[in-house]
Amino acid sequence: MSVLIGLDIGTSGARALAVDSAGNLLADASAEYPILTPRPGWSEQNPGDWWKAAKIAIRKVADSTQGRVVGLGLAGQMHGSVFLDARGR
């Protein structure tokens, strides 16, 4: 049976789930990351934390798929800017 994985990069964590072709939930997992507030009214996050959390969540659900993954769907928080330095980081 084919398996689909969904990944949501939200404002406080990454969540992944695996469903079969009939829509049955096989597994779900999440990993949180911090919201930094360096000044009043400011909110920041480290994109590296998004990546780490996404890998953790996907690995957890992938264990239930027995290698049958045929697709991946992605969703993410809206209206966020990610700025890069001169080295592309």
Protein backbone atom coordinates (compact mmCIF):
# COMPACT_ATOMS: atom_id res chain seq x y z
CA MET A 1 0.00 0.00 0.00
CA SER A 2 1.31 3.48 -0.89
CA VAL A 3 2.07 5.98 1.85
CA LEU A 4 2.01 9.79 1.79
CA ILE A 5 3.85 11.99 4.27
CA GLY A 6 2.65 15.47 5.17
CA LEU A 7 4.93 18.05 6.81
CA ASP A 8 3.82 21.34 8.37
CA ILE A 9 6.43 23.87 9.43
CA GLY A 10 4.36 25.86 11.91
CA THR A 11 5.08 28.81 14.14
CA SER A 12 6.12 26.73 17.15
CA GLY A 13 7.14 23.38 15.69
CA ALA A 14 7.22 20.94 12.81
CA ARG A 15 4.60 18.23 12.54
CA ALA A 16 4.65 15.24 10.23
CA LEU A 17 2.12 12.53 9.52
CA ALA A 18 1.93 9.44 7.38
CA VAL A 19 -1.29 8.23 5.77
CA ASP A 20 -2.03 5.28 3.53
CA SER A 21 -3.80 5.52 0.18
CA ALA A 22 -7.18 5.09 1.93
CA GLY A 23 -6.47 8.11 4.16
CA ASN A 24 -5.83 6.11 7.33
CA LEU A 25 -3.40 7.72 9.75
CA LEU A 26 -0.36 5.50 10.20
CA ALA A 27 1.75 7.77 12.39
CA ASP A 28 2.24 11.35 13.46
CA ALA A 29 5.06 13.15 15.23
CA SER A 30 6.16 16.65 16.07
CA ALA A 31 9.23 18.52 17.23
CA GLU A 32 9.18 22.01 18.72
CA TYR A 33 11.55 24.92 18.25
CA PRO A 34 11.89 28.16 20.18
CA ILE A 35 10.53 31.58 19.35
CA LEU A 36 13.17 34.16 20.19
CA THR A 37 12.10 37.58 21.49
CA PRO A 38 15.24 39.75 21.56
CA ARG A 39 13.20 42.94 22.09
CA PRO A 40 9.61 43.69 23.10
CA GLY A 41 7.34 43.18 20.09
CA TRP A 42 9.96 41.22 18.14
CA SER A 43 9.72 37.54 17.29
CA GLU A 44 12.45 35.62 15.53
CA GLN A 45 13.32 32.04 14.73
CA ASN A 46 16.40 30.29 13.48
CA PRO A 47 15.67 28.54 10.15
CA GLY A 48 18.21 25.91 11.18
CA ASP A 49 15.83 24.96 13.99
CA TRP A 50 13.04 24.45 11.42
CA TRP A 51 15.26 22.09 9.46
CA LYS A 52 16.30 20.08 12.54
CA ALA A 53 12.70 19.74 13.75
CA ALA A 54 11.47 18.73 10.29
CA LYS A 55 14.08 15.97 10.08
CA ILE A 56 13.15 14.68 13.55
CA ALA A 57 9.42 14.59 12.79
CA ILE A 58 9.87 12.97 9.37
CA ARG A 59 12.23 10.32 10.72
CA LYS A 60 9.72 9.39 13.41
CA VAL A 61 6.86 8.84 10.96
CA ALA A 62 9.05 7.27 8.28
CA ASP A 63 9.72 4.35 10.61
CA SER A 64 6.08 3.30 10.16
CA THR A 65 6.08 3.41 6.35
CA GLN A 66 8.18 0.33 5.54
CA GLY A 67 9.69 2.21 2.61
CA ARG A 68 6.36 2.69 0.83
CA VAL A 69 6.43 6.51 0.61
CA VAL A 70 5.28 7.76 -2.79
CA GLY A 71 4.76 11.45 -2.03
CA LEU A 72 5.43 14.33 0.34
CA GLY A 73 3.19 17.34 0.95
CA LEU A 74 4.50 20.53 2.55
CA ALA A 75 2.88 23.44 4.36
CA GLY A 76 4.44 26.33 6.22
CA GLN A 77 3.80 29.47 8.16
CA MET A 78 2.90 32.49 6.07
CA HIS A 79 4.30 35.97 5.75
CA GLY A 80 7.68 35.22 7.27
CA SER A 81 10.90 36.66 5.91
CA VAL A 82 14.13 34.71 5.99
CA PHE A 83 17.21 36.85 5.44
CA LEU A 84 20.56 35.46 4.32
CA ASP A 85 24.04 36.72 5.05
CA ALA A 86 26.84 37.15 2.50
CA ARG A 87 27.57 33.40 2.71
CA GLY A 88 23.98 32.45 1.87
CA ARG A 89 23.15 31.42 5.43
